[in-house]
Amino acid sequence: MESLSAYAGRFLGQLDEPDAGVLLDEPTTGPHSVDAERRPSAVHRLVDDGNSVGVIEHDPDAVTTADRLIGMGPQEGHRSGQVIVAGTREQIAAHPGSHTGGYLGALLEETQ
């Protein structure tokens, strides 16, 4: 798994053309905590360079830095797969049908 993470890091570091689309699946899961802490800044650098980045993530710190979110549900497992809400962090936090919204609202209050 670590070699896959290293490969992905090299690939992302070589992206020098804007308008690339990148989808990362739980990039904070598995790496050493120091490496995981660097991932959000690397993702933001990709966006700042003109790329589109989608991240599948459950880590609260990573989620609270997102520009836009898609809340899936309504539950987990076989009861999942529907888009419940999409929008900014604040829109997700205010949505009554989003389980993520409740957690996100509390996290946003802590960071303000």
PDB file of N, CA and C in Angstrom:
ATOM      1  N   MET A   1       0.828  -1.190   0.000  1.00  0.00           N
ATOM      2  CA  MET A   1       0.000   0.000   0.000  1.00  0.00           C
ATOM      3  C   MET A   1       0.872   1.252   0.000  1.00  0.00           C
ATOM      4  N   GLU A   2       1.952   1.231   0.748  1.00  0.00           N
ATOM      5  CA  GLU A   2       2.819   2.405   0.813  1.00  0.00           C
ATOM      6  C   GLU A   2       3.433   2.694  -0.544  1.00  0.00           C
ATOM      7  N   SER A   3       3.755   1.649  -1.324  1.00  0.00           N
ATOM      8  CA  SER A   3       4.331   1.885  -2.644  1.00  0.00           C
ATOM      9  C   SER A   3       3.307   2.534  -3.569  1.00  0.00           C
ATOM     10  N   LEU A   4       2.038   2.183  -3.422  1.00  0.00           N
ATOM     11  CA  LEU A   4       0.993   2.825  -4.215  1.00  0.00           C
ATOM     12  C   LEU A   4       0.888   4.296  -3.848  1.00  0.00           C
ATOM     13  N   SER A   5       0.976   4.606  -2.564  1.00  0.00           N
ATOM     14  CA  SER A   5       0.938   5.991  -2.112  1.00  0.00           C
ATOM     15  C   SER A   5       2.120   6.774  -2.672  1.00  0.00           C
ATOM     16  N   ALA A   6       3.298   6.171  -2.669  1.00  0.00           N
ATOM     17  CA  ALA A   6       4.491   6.829  -3.208  1.00  0.00           C
ATOM     18  C   ALA A   6       4.333   7.070  -4.704  1.00  0.00           C
ATOM     19  N   TYR A   7       3.787   6.083  -5.425  1.00  0.00           N
ATOM     20  CA  TYR A   7       3.550   6.245  -6.860  1.00  0.00           C
ATOM     21  C   TYR A   7       2.577   7.388  -7.126  1.00  0.00           C
ATOM     22  N   ALA A   8       1.487   7.425  -6.370  1.00  0.00           N
ATOM     23  CA  ALA A   8       0.502   8.487  -6.549  1.00  0.00           C
ATOM     24  C   ALA A   8       1.121   9.848  -6.257  1.00  0.00           C
ATOM     25  N   GLY A   9       1.949   9.929  -5.232  1.00  0.00           N
ATOM     26  CA  GLY A   9       2.616  11.188  -4.904  1.00  0.00           C
ATOM     27  C   GLY A   9       3.521  11.656  -6.031  1.00  0.00           C
ATOM     28  N   ARG A  10       4.275  10.731  -6.631  1.00  0.00           N
ATOM     29  CA  ARG A  10       5.138  11.098  -7.764  1.00  0.00           C
ATOM     30  C   ARG A  10       4.295  11.546  -8.947  1.00  0.00           C
ATOM     31  N   PHE A  11       3.205  10.843  -9.217  1.00  0.00           N
ATOM     32  CA  PHE A  11       2.321  11.199 -10.329  1.00  0.00           C
ATOM     33  C   PHE A  11       1.752  12.600 -10.136  1.00  0.00           C
ATOM     34  N   LEU A  12       1.228  12.861  -8.946  1.00  0.00           N
ATOM     35  CA  LEU A  12       0.630  14.166  -8.675  1.00  0.00           C
ATOM     36  C   LEU A  12       1.673  15.274  -8.736  1.00  0.00           C
ATOM     37  N   GLY A  13       2.888  14.973  -8.326  1.00  0.00           N
ATOM     38  CA  GLY A  13       3.954  15.962  -8.382  1.00  0.00           C
ATOM     39  C   GLY A  13       4.365  16.301  -9.798  1.00  0.00           C
ATOM     40  N   GLN A  14       4.093  15.404 -10.753  1.00  0.00           N
ATOM     41  CA  GLN A  14       4.468  15.627 -12.143  1.00  0.00           C
ATOM     42  C   GLN A  14       3.354  16.277 -12.958  1.00  0.00           C
ATOM     43  N   LEU A  15       2.202  16.501 -12.358  1.00  0.00           N
ATOM     44  CA  LEU A  15       1.112  17.156 -13.081  1.00  0.00           C
ATOM     45  C   LEU A  15       1.486  18.614 -13.291  1.00  0.00           C
ATOM     46  N   ASP A  16       1.831  18.958 -14.507  1.00  0.00           N
ATOM     47  CA  ASP A  16       2.198  20.343 -14.744  1.00  0.00           C
ATOM     48  C   ASP A  16       1.279  21.013 -15.761  1.00  0.00           C
ATOM     49  N   GLU A  17       0.291  20.289 -16.243  1.00  0.00           N
ATOM     50  CA  GLU A  17      -0.662  20.876 -17.165  1.00  0.00           C
ATOM     51  C   GLU A  17      -1.970  21.130 -16.437  1.00  0.00           C
ATOM     52  N   PRO A  18      -2.512  22.346 -16.579  1.00  0.00           N
ATOM     53  CA  PRO A  18      -3.796  22.623 -15.929  1.00  0.00           C
ATOM     54  C   PRO A  18      -4.919  21.842 -16.591  1.00  0.00           C
ATOM     55  N   ASP A  19      -6.041  21.853 -15.966  1.00  0.00           N
ATOM     56  CA  ASP A  19      -7.256  21.208 -16.465  1.00  0.00           C
ATOM     57  C   ASP A  19      -7.237  19.693 -16.371  1.00  0.00           C
ATOM     58  N   ALA A  20      -6.362  19.141 -15.563  1.00  0.00           N
ATOM     59  CA  ALA A  20      -6.385  17.699 -15.339  1.00  0.00           C
ATOM     60  C   ALA A  20      -7.487  17.397 -14.334  1.00  0.00           C
ATOM     61  N   GLY A  21      -8.059  16.225 -14.439  1.00  0.00           N
ATOM     62  CA  GLY A  21      -9.032  15.758 -13.467  1.00  0.00           C
ATOM     63  C   GLY A  21      -8.415  14.657 -12.630  1.00  0.00           C
ATOM     64  N   VAL A  22      -8.477  14.806 -11.328  1.00  0.00           N
ATOM     65  CA  VAL A  22      -7.859  13.842 -10.421  1.00  0.00           C
ATOM     66  C   VAL A  22      -8.897  13.437  -9.384  1.00  0.00           C
ATOM     67  N   LEU A  23      -9.041  12.144  -9.140  1.00  0.00           N
ATOM     68  CA  LEU A  23      -9.927  11.631  -8.098  1.00  0.00           C
ATOM     69  C   LEU A  23      -9.076  10.840  -7.113  1.00  0.00           C
ATOM     70  N   LEU A  24      -9.093  11.263  -5.858  1.00  0.00           N
ATOM     71  CA  LEU A  24      -8.313  10.600  -4.816  1.00  0.00           C
ATOM     72  C   LEU A  24      -9.274   9.892  -3.871  1.00  0.00           C
ATOM     73  N   ASP A  25      -9.011   8.624  -3.602  1.00  0.00           N
ATOM     74  CA  ASP A  25      -9.860   7.836  -2.717  1.00  0.00           C
ATOM     75  C   ASP A  25      -9.199   7.739  -1.350  1.00  0.00           C
ATOM     76  N   GLU A  26      -9.747   8.453  -0.385  1.00  0.00           N
ATOM     77  CA  GLU A  26      -9.273   8.484   1.002  1.00  0.00           C
ATOM     78  C   GLU A  26      -7.760   8.646   1.102  1.00  0.00           C
ATOM     79  N   PRO A  27      -7.240   9.770   0.619  1.00  0.00           N
ATOM     80  CA  PRO A  27      -5.783   9.956   0.619  1.00  0.00           C
ATOM     81  C   PRO A  27      -5.169  10.082   2.007  1.00  0.00           C
ATOM     82  N   THR A  28      -5.960  10.345   3.036  1.00  0.00           N
ATOM     83  CA  THR A  28      -5.384  10.444   4.379  1.00  0.00           C
ATOM     84  C   THR A  28      -5.364   9.106   5.107  1.00  0.00           C
ATOM     85  N   THR A  29      -5.935   8.062   4.493  1.00  0.00           N
ATOM     86  CA  THR A  29      -5.966   6.745   5.120  1.00  0.00           C
ATOM     87  C   THR A  29      -4.690   5.977   4.780  1.00  0.00           C
ATOM     88  N   GLY A  30      -3.990   5.518   5.795  1.00  0.00           N
ATOM     89  CA  GLY A  30      -2.832   4.665   5.569  1.00  0.00           C
ATOM     90  C   GLY A  30      -1.483   5.319   5.704  1.00  0.00           C
ATOM     91  N   PRO A  31      -1.264   6.527   5.172  1.00  0.00           N
ATOM     92  CA  PRO A  31       0.097   7.072   5.251  1.00  0.00           C
ATOM     93  C   PRO A  31       0.453   7.485   6.668  1.00  0.00           C
ATOM     94  N   HIS A  32       1.726   7.674   6.881  1.00  0.00           N
ATOM     95  CA  HIS A  32       2.207   8.187   8.163  1.00  0.00           C
ATOM     96  C   HIS A  32       1.511   9.521   8.427  1.00  0.00           C
ATOM     97  N   SER A  33       1.277   9.851   9.693  1.00  0.00           N
ATOM     98  CA  SER A  33       0.518  11.058  10.029  1.00  0.00           C
ATOM     99  C   SER A  33       1.168  12.326   9.477  1.00  0.00           C
ATOM    100  N   VAL A  34       2.481  12.363   9.393  1.00  0.00           N
ATOM    101  CA  VAL A  34       3.164  13.535   8.826  1.00  0.00           C
ATOM    102  C   VAL A  34       2.817  13.670   7.347  1.00  0.00           C
ATOM    103  N   ASP A  35       2.816  12.542   6.624  1.00  0.00           N
ATOM    104  CA  ASP A  35       2.456  12.578   5.202  1.00  0.00           C
ATOM    105  C   ASP A  35       0.993  12.941   5.026  1.00  0.00           C
ATOM    106  N   ALA A  36       0.128  12.419   5.871  1.00  0.00           N
ATOM    107  CA  ALA A  36      -1.304  12.720   5.776  1.00  0.00           C
ATOM    108  C   ALA A  36      -1.561  14.203   5.999  1.00  0.00           C
ATOM    109  N   GLU A  37      -0.790  14.825   6.879  1.00  0.00           N
ATOM    110  CA  GLU A  37      -0.963  16.255   7.143  1.00  0.00           C
ATOM    111  C   GLU A  37      -0.562  17.099   5.942  1.00  0.00           C
ATOM    112  N   ARG A  38       0.319  16.591   5.095  1.00  0.00           N
ATOM    113  CA  ARG A  38       0.767  17.331   3.905  1.00  0.00           C
ATOM    114  C   ARG A  38      -0.230  17.217   2.754  1.00  0.00           C
ATOM    115  N   ARG A  39      -1.071  16.207   2.767  1.00  0.00           N
ATOM    116  CA  ARG A  39      -1.956  15.965   1.628  1.00  0.00           C
ATOM    117  C   ARG A  39      -2.899  17.134   1.321  1.00  0.00           C
ATOM    118  N   PRO A  40      -3.555  17.742   2.330  1.00  0.00           N
ATOM    119  CA  PRO A  40      -4.463  18.847   1.986  1.00  0.00           C
ATOM    120  C   PRO A  40      -3.769  19.989   1.242  1.00  0.00           C
ATOM    121  N   SER A  41      -2.558  20.343   1.649  1.00  0.00           N
ATOM    122  CA  SER A  41      -1.870  21.432   0.944  1.00  0.00           C
ATOM    123  C   SER A  41      -1.510  21.019  -0.475  1.00  0.00           C
ATOM    124  N   ALA A  42      -1.180  19.744  -0.679  1.00  0.00           N
ATOM    125  CA  ALA A  42      -0.882  19.262  -2.027  1.00  0.00           C
ATOM    126  C   ALA A  42      -2.129  19.305  -2.899  1.00  0.00           C
ATOM    127  N   VAL A  43      -3.267  18.932  -2.336  1.00  0.00           N
ATOM    128  CA  VAL A  43      -4.525  18.977  -3.079  1.00  0.00           C
ATOM    129  C   VAL A  43      -4.864  20.420  -3.438  1.00  0.00           C
ATOM    130  N   HIS A  44      -4.729  21.333  -2.485  1.00  0.00           N
ATOM    131  CA  HIS A  44      -5.024  22.738  -2.761  1.00  0.00           C
ATOM    132  C   HIS A  44      -4.080  23.313  -3.816  1.00  0.00           C
ATOM    133  N   ARG A  45      -2.836  22.872  -3.825  1.00  0.00           N
ATOM    134  CA  ARG A  45      -1.887  23.329  -4.843  1.00  0.00           C
ATOM    135  C   ARG A  45      -2.337  22.865  -6.227  1.00  0.00           C
ATOM    136  N   LEU A  46      -2.833  21.635  -6.333  1.00  0.00           N
ATOM    137  CA  LEU A  46      -3.353  21.152  -7.615  1.00  0.00           C
ATOM    138  C   LEU A  46      -4.514  22.013  -8.092  1.00  0.00           C
ATOM    139  N   VAL A  47      -5.418  22.359  -7.176  1.00  0.00           N
ATOM    140  CA  VAL A  47      -6.565  23.194  -7.528  1.00  0.00           C
ATOM    141  C   VAL A  47      -6.090  24.590  -7.940  1.00  0.00           C
ATOM    142  N   ASP A  48      -5.161  25.146  -7.181  1.00  0.00           N
ATOM    143  CA  ASP A  48      -4.633  26.477  -7.489  1.00  0.00           C
ATOM    144  C   ASP A  48      -3.971  26.512  -8.866  1.00  0.00           C
ATOM    145  N   ASP A  49      -3.446  25.366  -9.307  1.00  0.00           N
ATOM    146  CA  ASP A  49      -2.803  25.274 -10.620  1.00  0.00           C
ATOM    147  C   ASP A  49      -3.806  25.054 -11.744  1.00  0.00           C
ATOM    148  N   GLY A  50      -5.105  25.030 -11.443  1.00  0.00           N
ATOM    149  CA  GLY A  50      -6.124  24.924 -12.476  1.00  0.00           C
ATOM    150  C   GLY A  50      -6.679  23.532 -12.702  1.00  0.00           C
ATOM    151  N   ASN A  51      -6.374  22.606 -11.822  1.00  0.00           N
ATOM    152  CA  ASN A  51      -6.871  21.239 -11.959  1.00  0.00           C
ATOM    153  C   ASN A  51      -8.167  21.055 -11.178  1.00  0.00           C
ATOM    154  N   SER A  52      -8.949  20.079 -11.571  1.00  0.00           N
ATOM    155  CA  SER A  52     -10.145  19.693 -10.824  1.00  0.00           C
ATOM    156  C   SER A  52      -9.795  18.469  -9.994  1.00  0.00           C
ATOM    157  N   VAL A  53     -10.089  18.531  -8.703  1.00  0.00           N
ATOM    158  CA  VAL A  53      -9.731  17.441  -7.803  1.00  0.00           C
ATOM    159  C   VAL A  53     -10.969  17.004  -7.034  1.00  0.00           C
ATOM    160  N   GLY A  54     -11.270  15.738  -7.118  1.00  0.00           N
ATOM    161  CA  GLY A  54     -12.320  15.138  -6.312  1.00  0.00           C
ATOM    162  C   GLY A  54     -11.669  14.234  -5.280  1.00  0.00           C
ATOM    163  N   VAL A  55     -12.176  14.280  -4.062  1.00  0.00           N
ATOM    164  CA  VAL A  55     -11.595  13.474  -2.991  1.00  0.00           C
ATOM    165  C   VAL A  55     -12.712  12.723  -2.283  1.00  0.00           C
ATOM    166  N   ILE A  56     -12.587  11.417  -2.225  1.00  0.00           N
ATOM    167  CA  ILE A  56     -13.492  10.589  -1.427  1.00  0.00           C
ATOM    168  C   ILE A  56     -12.828  10.485  -0.069  1.00  0.00           C
ATOM    169  N   GLU A  57     -13.471  11.037   0.956  1.00  0.00           N
ATOM    170  CA  GLU A  57     -12.783  11.145   2.244  1.00  0.00           C
ATOM    171  C   GLU A  57     -13.772  11.132   3.393  1.00  0.00           C
ATOM    172  N   HIS A  58     -13.322  10.591   4.522  1.00  0.00           N
ATOM    173  CA  HIS A  58     -14.107  10.594   5.749  1.00  0.00           C
ATOM    174  C   HIS A  58     -13.398  11.346   6.870  1.00  0.00           C
ATOM    175  N   ASP A  59     -12.151  11.719   6.646  1.00  0.00           N
ATOM    176  CA  ASP A  59     -11.380  12.417   7.662  1.00  0.00           C
ATOM    177  C   ASP A  59     -11.953  13.818   7.877  1.00  0.00           C
ATOM    178  N   PRO A  60     -12.361  14.142   9.109  1.00  0.00           N
ATOM    179  CA  PRO A  60     -12.994  15.449   9.363  1.00  0.00           C
ATOM    180  C   PRO A  60     -12.126  16.639   8.982  1.00  0.00           C
ATOM    181  N   ASP A  61     -10.822  16.559   9.227  1.00  0.00           N
ATOM    182  CA  ASP A  61      -9.951  17.678   8.876  1.00  0.00           C
ATOM    183  C   ASP A  61      -9.931  17.912   7.370  1.00  0.00           C
ATOM    184  N   ALA A  62      -9.906  16.842   6.607  1.00  0.00           N
ATOM    185  CA  ALA A  62      -9.905  16.978   5.148  1.00  0.00           C
ATOM    186  C   ALA A  62     -11.247  17.487   4.642  1.00  0.00           C
ATOM    187  N   VAL A  63     -12.323  16.995   5.220  1.00  0.00           N
ATOM    188  CA  VAL A  63     -13.665  17.400   4.778  1.00  0.00           C
ATOM    189  C   VAL A  63     -13.902  18.890   5.018  1.00  0.00           C
ATOM    190  N   THR A  64     -13.433  19.400   6.144  1.00  0.00           N
ATOM    191  CA  THR A  64     -13.695  20.805   6.460  1.00  0.00           C
ATOM    192  C   THR A  64     -12.895  21.766   5.590  1.00  0.00           C
ATOM    193  N   THR A  65     -11.914  21.273   4.830  1.00  0.00           N
ATOM    194  CA  THR A  65     -11.169  22.155   3.936  1.00  0.00           C
ATOM    195  C   THR A  65     -11.707  22.149   2.514  1.00  0.00           C
ATOM    196  N   ALA A  66     -12.706  21.334   2.235  1.00  0.00           N
ATOM    197  CA  ALA A  66     -13.243  21.215   0.876  1.00  0.00           C
ATOM    198  C   ALA A  66     -14.023  22.464   0.471  1.00  0.00           C
ATOM    199  N   ASP A  67     -13.950  22.798  -0.812  1.00  0.00           N
ATOM    200  CA  ASP A  67     -14.749  23.906  -1.347  1.00  0.00           C
ATOM    201  C   ASP A  67     -16.206  23.498  -1.511  1.00  0.00           C
ATOM    202  N   ARG A  68     -16.407  22.284  -2.019  1.00  0.00           N
ATOM    203  CA  ARG A  68     -17.751  21.762  -2.233  1.00  0.00           C
ATOM    204  C   ARG A  68     -17.766  20.301  -1.825  1.00  0.00           C
ATOM    205  N   LEU A  69     -18.930  19.843  -1.384  1.00  0.00           N
ATOM    206  CA  LEU A  69     -19.081  18.475  -0.907  1.00  0.00           C
ATOM    207  C   LEU A  69     -20.297  17.834  -1.548  1.00  0.00           C
ATOM    208  N   ILE A  70     -20.274  16.515  -1.613  1.00  0.00           N
ATOM    209  CA  ILE A  70     -21.433  15.727  -2.029  1.00  0.00           C
ATOM    210  C   ILE A  70     -21.714  14.753  -0.904  1.00  0.00           C
ATOM    211  N   GLY A  71     -22.895  14.840  -0.335  1.00  0.00           N
ATOM    212  CA  GLY A  71     -23.286  13.928   0.739  1.00  0.00           C
ATOM    213  C   GLY A  71     -24.075  12.768   0.167  1.00  0.00           C
ATOM    214  N   MET A  72     -23.570  11.570   0.377  1.00  0.00           N
ATOM    215  CA  MET A  72     -24.222  10.363  -0.125  1.00  0.00           C
ATOM    216  C   MET A  72     -24.978   9.691   1.012  1.00  0.00           C
ATOM    217  N   GLY A  73     -25.949   8.869   0.661  1.00  0.00           N
ATOM    218  CA  GLY A  73     -26.688   8.184   1.712  1.00  0.00           C
ATOM    219  C   GLY A  73     -27.859   7.423   1.120  1.00  0.00           C
ATOM    220  N   PRO A  74     -28.922   7.246   1.851  1.00  0.00           N
ATOM    221  CA  PRO A  74     -29.183   7.892   3.135  1.00  0.00           C
ATOM    222  C   PRO A  74     -28.505   7.196   4.310  1.00  0.00           C
ATOM    223  N   GLN A  75     -28.060   5.992   4.127  1.00  0.00           N
ATOM    224  CA  GLN A  75     -27.377   5.249   5.186  1.00  0.00           C
ATOM    225  C   GLN A  75     -26.077   4.717   4.618  1.00  0.00           C
ATOM    226  N   GLU A  76     -25.567   3.653   5.190  1.00  0.00           N
ATOM    227  CA  GLU A  76     -24.349   3.038   4.692  1.00  0.00           C
ATOM    228  C   GLU A  76     -24.671   1.708   4.017  1.00  0.00           C
ATOM    229  N   GLY A  77     -23.660   1.151   3.367  1.00  0.00           N
ATOM    230  CA  GLY A  77     -23.812  -0.166   2.752  1.00  0.00           C
ATOM    231  C   GLY A  77     -24.857  -0.202   1.657  1.00  0.00           C
ATOM    232  N   HIS A  78     -25.708  -1.213   1.681  1.00  0.00           N
ATOM    233  CA  HIS A  78     -26.700  -1.387   0.620  1.00  0.00           C
ATOM    234  C   HIS A  78     -27.797  -0.318   0.662  1.00  0.00           C
ATOM    235  N   ARG A  79     -27.873   0.461   1.714  1.00  0.00           N
ATOM    236  CA  ARG A  79     -28.867   1.535   1.806  1.00  0.00           C
ATOM    237  C   ARG A  79     -28.270   2.874   1.389  1.00  0.00           C
ATOM    238  N   SER A  80     -27.158   2.832   0.674  1.00  0.00           N
ATOM    239  CA  SER A  80     -26.456   4.046   0.273  1.00  0.00           C
ATOM    240  C   SER A  80     -26.566   4.237  -1.236  1.00  0.00           C
ATOM    241  N   GLY A  81     -25.816   5.183  -1.739  1.00  0.00           N
ATOM    242  CA  GLY A  81     -25.723   5.360  -3.180  1.00  0.00           C
ATOM    243  C   GLY A  81     -26.542   6.495  -3.745  1.00  0.00           C
ATOM    244  N   GLN A  82     -27.264   7.206  -2.917  1.00  0.00           N
ATOM    245  CA  GLN A  82     -28.053   8.331  -3.403  1.00  0.00           C
ATOM    246  C   GLN A  82     -27.378   9.633  -2.992  1.00  0.00           C
ATOM    247  N   VAL A  83     -27.437  10.628  -3.886  1.00  0.00           N
ATOM    248  CA  VAL A  83     -26.949  11.950  -3.510  1.00  0.00           C
ATOM    249  C   VAL A  83     -28.023  12.588  -2.631  1.00  0.00           C
ATOM    250  N   ILE A  84     -27.681  12.864  -1.393  1.00  0.00           N
ATOM    251  CA  ILE A  84     -28.599  13.481  -0.442  1.00  0.00           C
ATOM    252  C   ILE A  84     -28.520  14.997  -0.545  1.00  0.00           C
ATOM    253  N   VAL A  85     -27.299  15.518  -0.661  1.00  0.00           N
ATOM    254  CA  VAL A  85     -27.089  16.964  -0.730  1.00  0.00           C
ATOM    255  C   VAL A  85     -25.734  17.232  -1.388  1.00  0.00           C
ATOM    256  N   ALA A  86     -25.644  18.328  -2.094  1.00  0.00           N
ATOM    257  CA  ALA A  86     -24.383  18.765  -2.689  1.00  0.00           C
ATOM    258  C   ALA A  86     -24.294  20.272  -2.516  1.00  0.00           C
ATOM    259  N   GLY A  87     -23.116  20.748  -2.200  1.00  0.00           N
ATOM    260  CA  GLY A  87     -22.952  22.184  -2.055  1.00  0.00           C
ATOM    261  C   GLY A  87     -21.743  22.542  -1.225  1.00  0.00           C
ATOM    262  N   THR A  88     -21.778  23.746  -0.683  1.00  0.00           N
ATOM    263  CA  THR A  88     -20.688  24.222   0.159  1.00  0.00           C
ATOM    264  C   THR A  88     -20.752  23.536   1.523  1.00  0.00           C
ATOM    265  N   ARG A  89     -19.718  23.728   2.303  1.00  0.00           N
ATOM    266  CA  ARG A  89     -19.704  23.163   3.661  1.00  0.00           C
ATOM    267  C   ARG A  89     -20.920  23.638   4.449  1.00  0.00           C
ATOM    268  N   GLU A  90     -21.228  24.927   4.325  1.00  0.00           N
ATOM    269  CA  GLU A  90     -22.341  25.508   5.068  1.00  0.00           C
ATOM    270  C   GLU A  90     -23.682  24.938   4.610  1.00  0.00           C
ATOM    271  N   GLN A  91     -23.829  24.696   3.320  1.00  0.00           N
ATOM    272  CA  GLN A  91     -25.070  24.108   2.806  1.00  0.00           C
ATOM    273  C   GLN A  91     -25.242  22.675   3.300  1.00  0.00           C
ATOM    274  N   ILE A  92     -24.155  21.935   3.335  1.00  0.00           N
ATOM    275  CA  ILE A  92     -24.213  20.553   3.831  1.00  0.00           C
ATOM    276  C   ILE A  92     -24.582  20.560   5.315  1.00  0.00           C
ATOM    277  N   ALA A  93     -23.933  21.448   6.071  1.00  0.00           N
ATOM    278  CA  ALA A  93     -24.173  21.517   7.511  1.00  0.00           C
ATOM    279  C   ALA A  93     -25.621  21.880   7.828  1.00  0.00           C
ATOM    280  N   ALA A  94     -26.267  22.665   6.970  1.00  0.00           N
ATOM    281  CA  ALA A  94     -27.634  23.121   7.218  1.00  0.00           C
ATOM    282  C   ALA A  94     -28.698  22.147   6.721  1.00  0.00           C
ATOM    283  N   HIS A  95     -28.285  21.122   5.971  1.00  0.00           N
ATOM    284  CA  HIS A  95     -29.270  20.201   5.375  1.00  0.00           C
ATOM    285  C   HIS A  95     -29.779  19.212   6.421  1.00  0.00           C
ATOM    286  N   PRO A  96     -31.091  19.192   6.680  1.00  0.00           N
ATOM    287  CA  PRO A  96     -31.624  18.324   7.742  1.00  0.00           C
ATOM    288  C   PRO A  96     -31.539  16.830   7.439  1.00  0.00           C
ATOM    289  N   GLY A  97     -31.441  16.436   6.174  1.00  0.00           N
ATOM    290  CA  GLY A  97     -31.399  15.019   5.831  1.00  0.00           C
ATOM    291  C   GLY A  97     -30.006  14.444   5.739  1.00  0.00           C
ATOM    292  N   SER A  98     -28.993  15.250   6.043  1.00  0.00           N
ATOM    293  CA  SER A  98     -27.609  14.800   5.900  1.00  0.00           C
ATOM    294  C   SER A  98     -27.012  14.448   7.256  1.00  0.00           C
ATOM    295  N   HIS A  99     -26.612  13.181   7.407  1.00  0.00           N
ATOM    296  CA  HIS A  99     -25.909  12.778   8.633  1.00  0.00           C
ATOM    297  C   HIS A  99     -24.583  13.524   8.736  1.00  0.00           C
ATOM    298  N   THR A 100     -23.910  13.673   7.601  1.00  0.00           N
ATOM    299  CA  THR A 100     -22.642  14.389   7.574  1.00  0.00           C
ATOM    300  C   THR A 100     -22.834  15.835   8.011  1.00  0.00           C
ATOM    301  N   GLY A 101     -23.962  16.419   7.627  1.00  0.00           N
ATOM    302  CA  GLY A 101     -24.231  17.810   7.960  1.00  0.00           C
ATOM    303  C   GLY A 101     -24.177  18.094   9.448  1.00  0.00           C
ATOM    304  N   GLY A 102     -24.699  17.188  10.262  1.00  0.00           N
ATOM    305  CA  GLY A 102     -24.661  17.372  11.709  1.00  0.00           C
ATOM    306  C   GLY A 102     -23.244  17.416  12.250  1.00  0.00           C
ATOM    307  N   TYR A 103     -22.415  16.484  11.793  1.00  0.00           N
ATOM    308  CA  TYR A 103     -21.020  16.460  12.218  1.00  0.00           C
ATOM    309  C   TYR A 103     -20.268  17.678  11.687  1.00  0.00           C
ATOM    310  N   LEU A 104     -20.531  17.993  10.435  1.00  0.00           N
ATOM    311  CA  LEU A 104     -19.831  19.096   9.789  1.00  0.00           C
ATOM    312  C   LEU A 104     -20.174  20.429  10.453  1.00  0.00           C
ATOM    313  N   GLY A 105     -21.435  20.621  10.816  1.00  0.00           N
ATOM    314  CA  GLY A 105     -21.836  21.850  11.493  1.00  0.00           C
ATOM    315  C   GLY A 105     -21.058  22.068  12.774  1.00  0.00           C
ATOM    316  N   ALA A 106     -20.908  21.016  13.562  1.00  0.00           N
ATOM    317  CA  ALA A 106     -20.148  21.123  14.809  1.00  0.00           C
ATOM    318  C   ALA A 106     -18.670  21.410  14.535  1.00  0.00           C
ATOM    319  N   LEU A 107     -18.099  20.776  13.524  1.00  0.00           N
ATOM    320  CA  LEU A 107     -16.691  21.014  13.183  1.00  0.00           C
ATOM    321  C   LEU A 107     -16.474  22.441  12.697  1.00  0.00           C
ATOM    322  N   LEU A 108     -17.404  22.935  11.900  1.00  0.00           N
ATOM    323  CA  LEU A 108     -17.272  24.305  11.396  1.00  0.00           C
ATOM    324  C   LEU A 108     -17.348  25.316  12.533  1.00  0.00           C
ATOM    325  N   GLU A 109     -18.204  25.053  13.507  1.00  0.00           N
ATOM    326  CA  GLU A 109     -18.290  25.948  14.659  1.00  0.00           C
ATOM    327  C   GLU A 109     -16.976  25.973  15.446  1.00  0.00           C
ATOM    328  N   GLU A 110     -16.333  24.823  15.548  1.00  0.00           N
ATOM    329  CA  GLU A 110     -15.061  24.744  16.274  1.00  0.00           C
ATOM    330  C   GLU A 110     -13.961  25.533  15.577  1.00  0.00           C
ATOM    331  N   THR A 111     -13.984  25.564  14.245  1.00  0.00           N
ATOM    332  CA  THR A 111     -12.913  26.216  13.491  1.00  0.00           C
ATOM    333  C   THR A 111     -13.128  27.719  13.339  1.00  0.00           C
ATOM    334  N   GLN A 112     -14.293  28.214  13.741  1.00  0.00           N
ATOM    335  CA  GLN A 112     -14.547  29.658  13.581  1.00  0.00           C
ATOM    336  C   GLN A 112     -14.222  30.432  14.806  1.00  0.00           C
TER     337      GLN A 112
END
